[in-house]
């Protein structure tokens, strides 16, 4: 393991240098959503996002999260446009 800092000497000048770990880089991974619980899992996640928006838990969003929030809004519009189709599907499952 590296020390937290090192001292570099050049002649009569000393400089303390802090060593920082390399940044963690996470790749965007698309995880499959099992078809038998697709809507159930997604509704739970969407509710969590809506609660965060309502509670203004949006002060420290990363660039990835800002992009995802933009896509979330686009998807909300798309879902609204599919209202008739969704109601038709739900009608097929009514008793």
PDB file of N, CA and C in Angstrom:
ATOM      1  N   UNK A   1       0.839  -1.182   0.000  1.00  0.00           N
ATOM      2  CA  UNK A   1       0.000   0.000   0.000  1.00  0.00           C
ATOM      3  C   UNK A   1       0.882   1.242   0.000  1.00  0.00           C
ATOM      4  N   UNK A   2       0.499   2.260  -0.753  1.00  0.00           N
ATOM      5  CA  UNK A   2       1.264   3.494  -0.846  1.00  0.00           C
ATOM      6  C   UNK A   2       1.045   4.368   0.382  1.00  0.00           C
ATOM      7  N   UNK A   3       2.059   5.153   0.743  1.00  0.00           N
ATOM      8  CA  UNK A   3       1.846   6.108   1.840  1.00  0.00           C
ATOM      9  C   UNK A   3       0.858   7.185   1.408  1.00  0.00           C
ATOM     10  N   UNK A   4       0.214   7.834   2.388  1.00  0.00           N
ATOM     11  CA  UNK A   4      -0.783   8.871   2.086  1.00  0.00           C
ATOM     12  C   UNK A   4      -0.148  10.101   1.465  1.00  0.00           C
ATOM     13  N   UNK A   5       1.130  10.359   1.793  1.00  0.00           N
ATOM     14  CA  UNK A   5       1.823  11.498   1.203  1.00  0.00           C
ATOM     15  C   UNK A   5       3.325  11.229   1.211  1.00  0.00           C
ATOM     16  N   UNK A   6       4.030  11.947   0.357  1.00  0.00           N
ATOM     17  CA  UNK A   6       5.494  11.851   0.301  1.00  0.00           C
ATOM     18  C   UNK A   6       6.060  13.259   0.278  1.00  0.00           C
ATOM     19  N   UNK A   7       7.296  13.374   0.729  1.00  0.00           N
ATOM     20  CA  UNK A   7       7.978  14.660   0.691  1.00  0.00           C
ATOM     21  C   UNK A   7       9.046  14.591  -0.387  1.00  0.00           C
ATOM     22  N   UNK A   8       9.013  15.561  -1.283  1.00  0.00           N
ATOM     23  CA  UNK A   8       9.992  15.639  -2.363  1.00  0.00           C
ATOM     24  C   UNK A   8      10.919  16.801  -2.049  1.00  0.00           C
ATOM     25  N   UNK A   9      12.230  16.528  -2.118  1.00  0.00           N
ATOM     26  CA  UNK A   9      13.214  17.578  -1.855  1.00  0.00           C
ATOM     27  C   UNK A   9      13.945  17.894  -3.143  1.00  0.00           C
ATOM     28  N   UNK A  10      14.045  19.169  -3.451  1.00  0.00           N
ATOM     29  CA  UNK A  10      14.819  19.647  -4.597  1.00  0.00           C
ATOM     30  C   UNK A  10      15.663  20.816  -4.104  1.00  0.00           C
ATOM     31  N   UNK A  11      16.924  20.538  -3.799  1.00  0.00           N
ATOM     32  CA  UNK A  11      17.775  21.587  -3.234  1.00  0.00           C
ATOM     33  C   UNK A  11      17.320  21.911  -1.822  1.00  0.00           C
ATOM     34  N   UNK A  12      17.024  23.179  -1.591  1.00  0.00           N
ATOM     35  CA  UNK A  12      16.586  23.601  -0.264  1.00  0.00           C
ATOM     36  C   UNK A  12      15.059  23.659  -0.157  1.00  0.00           C
ATOM     37  N   UNK A  13      14.366  23.247  -1.208  1.00  0.00           N
ATOM     38  CA  UNK A  13      12.906  23.321  -1.223  1.00  0.00           C
ATOM     39  C   UNK A  13      12.317  21.930  -0.973  1.00  0.00           C
ATOM     40  N   UNK A  14      11.397  21.865  -0.034  1.00  0.00           N
ATOM     41  CA  UNK A  14      10.682  20.625   0.235  1.00  0.00           C
ATOM     42  C   UNK A  14       9.217  20.802  -0.143  1.00  0.00           C
ATOM     43  N   UNK A  15       8.672  19.823  -0.809  1.00  0.00           N
ATOM     44  CA  UNK A  15       7.261  19.869  -1.191  1.00  0.00           C
ATOM     45  C   UNK A  15       6.586  18.587  -0.728  1.00  0.00           C
ATOM     46  N   UNK A  16       5.475  18.748  -0.035  1.00  0.00           N
ATOM     47  CA  UNK A  16       4.688  17.593   0.408  1.00  0.00           C
ATOM     48  C   UNK A  16       3.638  17.311  -0.669  1.00  0.00           C
ATOM     49  N   UNK A  17       3.578  16.070  -1.133  1.00  0.00           N
ATOM     50  CA  UNK A  17       2.640  15.670  -2.174  1.00  0.00           C
ATOM     51  C   UNK A  17       1.720  14.606  -1.604  1.00  0.00           C
ATOM     52  N   UNK A  18       0.402  14.871  -1.690  1.00  0.00           N
ATOM     53  CA  UNK A  18      -0.589  13.884  -1.252  1.00  0.00           C
ATOM     54  C   UNK A  18      -0.869  12.918  -2.388  1.00  0.00           C
ATOM     55  N   UNK A  19      -0.891  11.657  -2.076  1.00  0.00           N
ATOM     56  CA  UNK A  19      -1.202  10.632  -3.073  1.00  0.00           C
ATOM     57  C   UNK A  19      -2.659  10.241  -2.925  1.00  0.00           C
ATOM     58  N   UNK A  20      -3.382  10.324  -4.011  1.00  0.00           N
ATOM     59  CA  UNK A  20      -4.806   9.992  -4.011  1.00  0.00           C
ATOM     60  C   UNK A  20      -5.029   8.706  -4.784  1.00  0.00           C
ATOM     61  N   UNK A  21      -5.998   7.902  -4.365  1.00  0.00           N
ATOM     62  CA  UNK A  21      -6.288   6.682  -5.129  1.00  0.00           C
ATOM     63  C   UNK A  21      -6.861   7.026  -6.494  1.00  0.00           C
ATOM     64  N   UNK A  22      -6.692   6.106  -7.427  1.00  0.00           N
ATOM     65  CA  UNK A  22      -7.271   6.314  -8.752  1.00  0.00           C
ATOM     66  C   UNK A  22      -8.780   6.378  -8.625  1.00  0.00           C
ATOM     67  N   UNK A  23      -9.436   7.215  -9.440  1.00  0.00           N
ATOM     68  CA  UNK A  23     -10.904   7.300  -9.354  1.00  0.00           C
ATOM     69  C   UNK A  23     -11.546   5.994  -9.792  1.00  0.00           C
ATOM     70  N   UNK A  24     -12.640   5.671  -9.154  1.00  0.00           N
ATOM     71  CA  UNK A  24     -13.409   4.485  -9.501  1.00  0.00           C
ATOM     72  C   UNK A  24     -14.234   4.796 -10.745  1.00  0.00           C
ATOM     73  N   UNK A  25     -14.066   4.002 -11.767  1.00  0.00           N
ATOM     74  CA  UNK A  25     -14.804   4.197 -13.011  1.00  0.00           C
ATOM     75  C   UNK A  25     -15.773   3.032 -13.162  1.00  0.00           C
ATOM     76  N   UNK A  26     -17.041   3.350 -13.133  1.00  0.00           N
ATOM     77  CA  UNK A  26     -18.066   2.333 -13.282  1.00  0.00           C
ATOM     78  C   UNK A  26     -18.602   2.376 -14.704  1.00  0.00           C
ATOM     79  N   UNK A  27     -18.627   1.254 -15.335  1.00  0.00           N
ATOM     80  CA  UNK A  27     -19.208   1.182 -16.678  1.00  0.00           C
ATOM     81  C   UNK A  27     -20.705   0.995 -16.562  1.00  0.00           C
ATOM     82  N   UNK A  28     -21.420   1.523 -17.522  1.00  0.00           N
ATOM     83  CA  UNK A  28     -22.866   1.388 -17.545  1.00  0.00           C
ATOM     84  C   UNK A  28     -23.202  -0.039 -17.944  1.00  0.00           C
ATOM     85  N   UNK A  29     -23.833  -0.759 -17.048  1.00  0.00           N
ATOM     86  CA  UNK A  29     -24.186  -2.159 -17.302  1.00  0.00           C
ATOM     87  C   UNK A  29     -25.708  -2.261 -17.367  1.00  0.00           C
ATOM     88  N   UNK A  30     -26.197  -2.841 -18.417  1.00  0.00           N
ATOM     89  CA  UNK A  30     -27.635  -3.043 -18.549  1.00  0.00           C
ATOM     90  C   UNK A  30     -27.954  -4.424 -17.989  1.00  0.00           C
ATOM     91  N   UNK A  31     -28.693  -4.424 -16.906  1.00  0.00           N
ATOM     92  CA  UNK A  31     -29.082  -5.685 -16.286  1.00  0.00           C
ATOM     93  C   UNK A  31     -30.438  -6.102 -16.847  1.00  0.00           C
ATOM     94  N   UNK A  32     -30.576  -7.367 -17.188  1.00  0.00           N
ATOM     95  CA  UNK A  32     -31.871  -7.818 -17.708  1.00  0.00           C
ATOM     96  C   UNK A  32     -32.926  -7.768 -16.624  1.00  0.00           C
ATOM     97  N   UNK A  33     -34.144  -7.492 -17.023  1.00  0.00           N
ATOM     98  CA  UNK A  33     -35.267  -7.482 -16.094  1.00  0.00           C
ATOM     99  C   UNK A  33     -36.109  -8.707 -16.429  1.00  0.00           C
ATOM    100  N   UNK A  34     -36.287  -9.581 -15.467  1.00  0.00           N
ATOM    101  CA  UNK A  34     -37.022 -10.816 -15.708  1.00  0.00           C
ATOM    102  C   UNK A  34     -38.460 -10.496 -16.096  1.00  0.00           C
ATOM    103  N   UNK A  35     -38.930 -11.097 -17.157  1.00  0.00           N
ATOM    104  CA  UNK A  35     -40.250 -10.760 -17.696  1.00  0.00           C
ATOM    105  C   UNK A  35     -41.378 -11.040 -16.711  1.00  0.00           C
ATOM    106  N   UNK A  36     -41.202 -12.016 -15.816  1.00  0.00           N
ATOM    107  CA  UNK A  36     -42.280 -12.344 -14.885  1.00  0.00           C
ATOM    108  C   UNK A  36     -42.438 -11.311 -13.775  1.00  0.00           C
ATOM    109  N   UNK A  37     -41.453 -10.432 -13.587  1.00  0.00           N
ATOM    110  CA  UNK A  37     -41.583  -9.391 -12.554  1.00  0.00           C
ATOM    111  C   UNK A  37     -41.137  -8.022 -13.069  1.00  0.00           C
ATOM    112  N   UNK A  38     -41.119  -7.855 -14.377  1.00  0.00           N
ATOM    113  CA  UNK A  38     -40.652  -6.621 -15.009  1.00  0.00           C
ATOM    114  C   UNK A  38     -41.384  -5.392 -14.493  1.00  0.00           C
ATOM    115  N   UNK A  39     -42.701  -5.413 -14.543  1.00  0.00           N
ATOM    116  CA  UNK A  39     -43.476  -4.236 -14.149  1.00  0.00           C
ATOM    117  C   UNK A  39     -43.422  -4.014 -12.638  1.00  0.00           C
ATOM    118  N   UNK A  40     -43.468  -5.104 -11.874  1.00  0.00           N
ATOM    119  CA  UNK A  40     -43.407  -4.987 -10.411  1.00  0.00           C
ATOM    120  C   UNK A  40     -42.105  -4.315  -9.972  1.00  0.00           C
ATOM    121  N   UNK A  41     -40.974  -4.779 -10.496  1.00  0.00           N
ATOM    122  CA  UNK A  41     -39.678  -4.192 -10.132  1.00  0.00           C
ATOM    123  C   UNK A  41     -39.566  -2.749 -10.607  1.00  0.00           C
ATOM    124  N   UNK A  42     -40.021  -2.493 -11.807  1.00  0.00           N
ATOM    125  CA  UNK A  42     -39.908  -1.155 -12.380  1.00  0.00           C
ATOM    126  C   UNK A  42     -40.773  -0.155 -11.624  1.00  0.00           C
ATOM    127  N   UNK A  43     -41.981  -0.548 -11.253  1.00  0.00           N
ATOM    128  CA  UNK A  43     -42.868   0.352 -10.500  1.00  0.00           C
ATOM    129  C   UNK A  43     -42.226   0.730  -9.164  1.00  0.00           C
ATOM    130  N   UNK A  44     -41.612  -0.239  -8.496  1.00  0.00           N
ATOM    131  CA  UNK A  44     -40.941   0.045  -7.224  1.00  0.00           C
ATOM    132  C   UNK A  44     -39.814   1.053  -7.429  1.00  0.00           C
ATOM    133  N   UNK A  45     -39.011   0.860  -8.470  1.00  0.00           N
ATOM    134  CA  UNK A  45     -37.912   1.782  -8.761  1.00  0.00           C
ATOM    135  C   UNK A  45     -38.423   3.161  -9.168  1.00  0.00           C
ATOM    136  N   UNK A  46     -39.493   3.181  -9.968  1.00  0.00           N
ATOM    137  CA  UNK A  46     -40.062   4.469 -10.381  1.00  0.00           C
ATOM    138  C   UNK A  46     -40.614   5.223  -9.181  1.00  0.00           C
ATOM    139  N   UNK A  47     -41.267   4.507  -8.265  1.00  0.00           N
ATOM    140  CA  UNK A  47     -41.814   5.146  -7.059  1.00  0.00           C
ATOM    141  C   UNK A  47     -40.679   5.756  -6.233  1.00  0.00           C
ATOM    142  N   UNK A  48     -39.554   5.046  -6.131  1.00  0.00           N
ATOM    143  CA  UNK A  48     -38.389   5.558  -5.406  1.00  0.00           C
ATOM    144  C   UNK A  48     -37.883   6.853  -6.060  1.00  0.00           C
ATOM    145  N   UNK A  49     -37.823   6.878  -7.386  1.00  0.00           N
ATOM    146  CA  UNK A  49     -37.385   8.074  -8.113  1.00  0.00           C
ATOM    147  C   UNK A  49     -38.362   9.228  -7.907  1.00  0.00           C
ATOM    148  N   UNK A  50     -39.648   8.943  -7.979  1.00  0.00           N
ATOM    149  CA  UNK A  50     -40.667   9.986  -7.787  1.00  0.00           C
ATOM    150  C   UNK A  50     -40.573  10.550  -6.378  1.00  0.00           C
ATOM    151  N   UNK A  51     -40.381   9.675  -5.385  1.00  0.00           N
ATOM    152  CA  UNK A  51     -40.230  10.156  -4.008  1.00  0.00           C
ATOM    153  C   UNK A  51     -39.008  11.057  -3.870  1.00  0.00           C
ATOM    154  N   UNK A  52     -37.906  10.696  -4.518  1.00  0.00           N
ATOM    155  CA  UNK A  52     -36.697  11.515  -4.461  1.00  0.00           C
ATOM    156  C   UNK A  52     -36.938  12.884  -5.085  1.00  0.00           C
ATOM    157  N   UNK A  53     -37.677  12.929  -6.181  1.00  0.00           N
ATOM    158  CA  UNK A  53     -37.997  14.200  -6.831  1.00  0.00           C
ATOM    159  C   UNK A  53     -38.903  15.043  -5.933  1.00  0.00           C
ATOM    160  N   UNK A  54     -39.935  14.414  -5.379  1.00  0.00           N
ATOM    161  CA  UNK A  54     -40.865  15.140  -4.502  1.00  0.00           C
ATOM    162  C   UNK A  54     -40.178  15.651  -3.237  1.00  0.00           C
ATOM    163  N   UNK A  55     -39.237  14.858  -2.704  1.00  0.00           N
ATOM    164  CA  UNK A  55     -38.524  15.245  -1.485  1.00  0.00           C
ATOM    165  C   UNK A  55     -37.307  16.123  -1.770  1.00  0.00           C
ATOM    166  N   UNK A  56     -37.122  16.483  -3.043  1.00  0.00           N
ATOM    167  CA  UNK A  56     -36.003  17.329  -3.479  1.00  0.00           C
ATOM    168  C   UNK A  56     -34.647  16.744  -3.105  1.00  0.00           C
ATOM    169  N   UNK A  57     -34.528  15.415  -3.212  1.00  0.00           N
ATOM    170  CA  UNK A  57     -33.255  14.741  -2.973  1.00  0.00           C
ATOM    171  C   UNK A  57     -32.447  14.746  -4.269  1.00  0.00           C
ATOM    172  N   UNK A  58     -32.287  15.925  -4.832  1.00  0.00           N
ATOM    173  CA  UNK A  58     -31.649  16.050  -6.147  1.00  0.00           C
ATOM    174  C   UNK A  58     -30.514  17.065  -6.140  1.00  0.00           C
ATOM    175  N   UNK A  59     -29.975  17.361  -4.964  1.00  0.00           N
ATOM    176  CA  UNK A  59     -28.957  18.410  -4.854  1.00  0.00           C
ATOM    177  C   UNK A  59     -27.589  18.005  -5.396  1.00  0.00           C
ATOM    178  N   UNK A  60     -27.265  16.728  -5.339  1.00  0.00           N
ATOM    179  CA  UNK A  60     -25.916  16.294  -5.710  1.00  0.00           C
ATOM    180  C   UNK A  60     -25.949  15.192  -6.753  1.00  0.00           C
ATOM    181  N   UNK A  61     -26.586  15.460  -7.891  1.00  0.00           N
ATOM    182  CA  UNK A  61     -26.673  14.453  -8.941  1.00  0.00           C
ATOM    183  C   UNK A  61     -25.405  14.459  -9.786  1.00  0.00           C
ATOM    184  N   UNK A  62     -24.915  13.276 -10.116  1.00  0.00           N
ATOM    185  CA  UNK A  62     -23.781  13.163 -11.029  1.00  0.00           C
ATOM    186  C   UNK A  62     -24.276  13.443 -12.450  1.00  0.00           C
ATOM    187  N   UNK A  63     -23.346  13.576 -13.365  1.00  0.00           N
ATOM    188  CA  UNK A  63     -23.729  13.769 -14.771  1.00  0.00           C
ATOM    189  C   UNK A  63     -24.555  12.587 -15.273  1.00  0.00           C
ATOM    190  N   UNK A  64     -24.200  11.385 -14.818  1.00  0.00           N
ATOM    191  CA  UNK A  64     -24.952  10.193 -15.221  1.00  0.00           C
ATOM    192  C   UNK A  64     -26.396  10.286 -14.731  1.00  0.00           C
ATOM    193  N   UNK A  65     -26.567  10.751 -13.495  1.00  0.00           N
ATOM    194  CA  UNK A  65     -27.905  10.857 -12.930  1.00  0.00           C
ATOM    195  C   UNK A  65     -28.716  11.964 -13.610  1.00  0.00           C
ATOM    196  N   UNK A  66     -28.074  13.063 -13.970  1.00  0.00           N
ATOM    197  CA  UNK A  66     -28.775  14.134 -14.693  1.00  0.00           C
ATOM    198  C   UNK A  66     -29.252  13.602 -16.045  1.00  0.00           C
ATOM    199  N   UNK A  67     -28.390  12.858 -16.729  1.00  0.00           N
ATOM    200  CA  UNK A  67     -28.790  12.265 -18.012  1.00  0.00           C
ATOM    201  C   UNK A  67     -29.934  11.272 -17.821  1.00  0.00           C
ATOM    202  N   UNK A  68     -29.868  10.477 -16.755  1.00  0.00           N
ATOM    203  CA  UNK A  68     -30.927   9.504 -16.483  1.00  0.00           C
ATOM    204  C   UNK A  68     -32.231  10.209 -16.127  1.00  0.00           C
ATOM    205  N   UNK A  69     -32.152  11.323 -15.398  1.00  0.00           N
ATOM    206  CA  UNK A  69     -33.358  12.076 -15.056  1.00  0.00           C
ATOM    207  C   UNK A  69     -34.012  12.645 -16.309  1.00  0.00           C
ATOM    208  N   UNK A  70     -33.199  13.091 -17.251  1.00  0.00           N
ATOM    209  CA  UNK A  70     -33.722  13.560 -18.540  1.00  0.00           C
ATOM    210  C   UNK A  70     -34.433  12.427 -19.272  1.00  0.00           C
ATOM    211  N   UNK A  71     -33.817  11.256 -19.274  1.00  0.00           N
ATOM    212  CA  UNK A  71     -34.441  10.099 -19.916  1.00  0.00           C
ATOM    213  C   UNK A  71     -35.702   9.670 -19.168  1.00  0.00           C
ATOM    214  N   UNK A  72     -35.689   9.800 -17.840  1.00  0.00           N
ATOM    215  CA  UNK A  72     -36.857   9.483 -17.012  1.00  0.00           C
ATOM    216  C   UNK A  72     -38.041  10.344 -17.436  1.00  0.00           C
ATOM    217  N   UNK A  73     -37.797  11.638 -17.663  1.00  0.00           N
ATOM    218  CA  UNK A  73     -38.849  12.546 -18.112  1.00  0.00           C
ATOM    219  C   UNK A  73     -39.349  12.151 -19.499  1.00  0.00           C
ATOM    220  N   UNK A  74     -38.426  11.808 -20.396  1.00  0.00           N
ATOM    221  CA  UNK A  74     -38.825  11.359 -21.735  1.00  0.00           C
ATOM    222  C   UNK A  74     -39.693  10.100 -21.659  1.00  0.00           C
ATOM    223  N   UNK A  75     -39.307   9.177 -20.774  1.00  0.00           N
ATOM    224  CA  UNK A  75     -40.092   7.952 -20.619  1.00  0.00           C
ATOM    225  C   UNK A  75     -41.464   8.241 -20.024  1.00  0.00           C
ATOM    226  N   UNK A  76     -41.538   9.211 -19.104  1.00  0.00           N
ATOM    227  CA  UNK A  76     -42.838   9.588 -18.528  1.00  0.00           C
ATOM    228  C   UNK A  76     -43.775  10.078 -19.629  1.00  0.00           C
ATOM    229  N   UNK A  77     -43.238  10.864 -20.541  1.00  0.00           N
ATOM    230  CA  UNK A  77     -44.049  11.349 -21.669  1.00  0.00           C
ATOM    231  C   UNK A  77     -44.482  10.184 -22.556  1.00  0.00           C
ATOM    232  N   UNK A  78     -43.564   9.255 -22.777  1.00  0.00           N
ATOM    233  CA  UNK A  78     -43.872   8.090 -23.616  1.00  0.00           C
ATOM    234  C   UNK A  78     -44.950   7.221 -22.966  1.00  0.00           C
ATOM    235  N   UNK A  79     -44.849   7.029 -21.650  1.00  0.00           N
ATOM    236  CA  UNK A  79     -45.861   6.242 -20.926  1.00  0.00           C
ATOM    237  C   UNK A  79     -47.217   6.921 -21.031  1.00  0.00           C
ATOM    238  N   UNK A  80     -47.241   8.239 -20.880  1.00  0.00           N
ATOM    239  CA  UNK A  80     -48.495   8.983 -21.010  1.00  0.00           C
ATOM    240  C   UNK A  80     -49.095   8.777 -22.397  1.00  0.00           C
ATOM    241  N   UNK A  81     -48.252   8.754 -23.421  1.00  0.00           N
ATOM    242  CA  UNK A  81     -48.739   8.524 -24.783  1.00  0.00           C
ATOM    243  C   UNK A  81     -49.264   7.105 -24.979  1.00  0.00           C
ATOM    244  N   UNK A  82     -48.839   6.179 -24.123  1.00  0.00           N
ATOM    245  CA  UNK A  82     -49.286   4.789 -24.221  1.00  0.00           C
ATOM    246  C   UNK A  82     -50.467   4.484 -23.306  1.00  0.00           C
ATOM    247  N   UNK A  83     -51.077   5.512 -22.738  1.00  0.00           N
ATOM    248  CA  UNK A  83     -52.156   5.314 -21.778  1.00  0.00           C
ATOM    249  C   UNK A  83     -53.261   4.412 -22.336  1.00  0.00           C
ATOM    250  N   UNK A  84     -53.702   4.661 -23.552  1.00  0.00           N
ATOM    251  CA  UNK A  84     -54.775   3.863 -24.154  1.00  0.00           C
ATOM    252  C   UNK A  84     -54.356   2.404 -24.269  1.00  0.00           C
ATOM    253  N   UNK A  85     -53.135   2.160 -24.753  1.00  0.00           N
ATOM    254  CA  UNK A  85     -52.642   0.792 -24.908  1.00  0.00           C
ATOM    255  C   UNK A  85     -52.551   0.078 -23.558  1.00  0.00           C
ATOM    256  N   UNK A  86     -52.082   0.788 -22.534  1.00  0.00           N
ATOM    257  CA  UNK A  86     -51.967   0.207 -21.197  1.00  0.00           C
ATOM    258  C   UNK A  86     -53.345  -0.151 -20.651  1.00  0.00           C
ATOM    259  N   UNK A  87     -54.309   0.770 -20.815  1.00  0.00           N
ATOM    260  CA  UNK A  87     -55.669   0.487 -20.347  1.00  0.00           C
ATOM    261  C   UNK A  87     -56.274  -0.705 -21.092  1.00  0.00           C
ATOM    262  N   UNK A  88     -55.958  -0.825 -22.366  1.00  0.00           N
ATOM    263  CA  UNK A  88     -56.453  -1.955 -23.154  1.00  0.00           C
ATOM    264  C   UNK A  88     -55.865  -3.270 -22.636  1.00  0.00           C
ATOM    265  N   UNK A  89     -54.586  -3.281 -22.344  1.00  0.00           N
ATOM    266  CA  UNK A  89     -53.943  -4.479 -21.783  1.00  0.00           C
ATOM    267  C   UNK A  89     -54.536  -4.819 -20.441  1.00  0.00           C
ATOM    268  N   UNK A  90     -54.715  -3.815 -19.580  1.00  0.00           N
ATOM    269  CA  UNK A  90     -55.302  -4.053 -18.249  1.00  0.00           C
ATOM    270  C   UNK A  90     -56.717  -4.594 -18.362  1.00  0.00           C
ATOM    271  N   UNK A  91     -57.473  -4.128 -19.368  1.00  0.00           N
ATOM    272  CA  UNK A  91     -58.823  -4.601 -19.588  1.00  0.00           C
ATOM    273  C   UNK A  91     -58.864  -6.092 -19.892  1.00  0.00           C
ATOM    274  N   UNK A  92     -57.817  -6.601 -20.513  1.00  0.00           N
ATOM    275  CA  UNK A  92     -57.747  -8.031 -20.835  1.00  0.00           C
ATOM    276  C   UNK A  92     -57.624  -8.874 -19.571  1.00  0.00           C
ATOM    277  N   UNK A  93     -57.173  -8.281 -18.467  1.00  0.00           N
ATOM    278  CA  UNK A  93     -56.948  -9.036 -17.231  1.00  0.00           C
ATOM    279  C   UNK A  93     -58.023  -8.796 -16.171  1.00  0.00           C
ATOM    280  N   UNK A  94     -59.015  -7.982 -16.495  1.00  0.00           N
ATOM    281  CA  UNK A  94     -60.092  -7.733 -15.536  1.00  0.00           C
ATOM    282  C   UNK A  94     -60.964  -8.967 -15.419  1.00  0.00           C
ATOM    283  N   UNK A  95     -61.497  -9.178 -14.236  1.00  0.00           N
ATOM    284  CA  UNK A  95     -62.372 -10.344 -13.975  1.00  0.00           C
ATOM    285  C   UNK A  95     -63.689 -10.223 -14.686  1.00  0.00           C
TER     286      UNK A  95
END
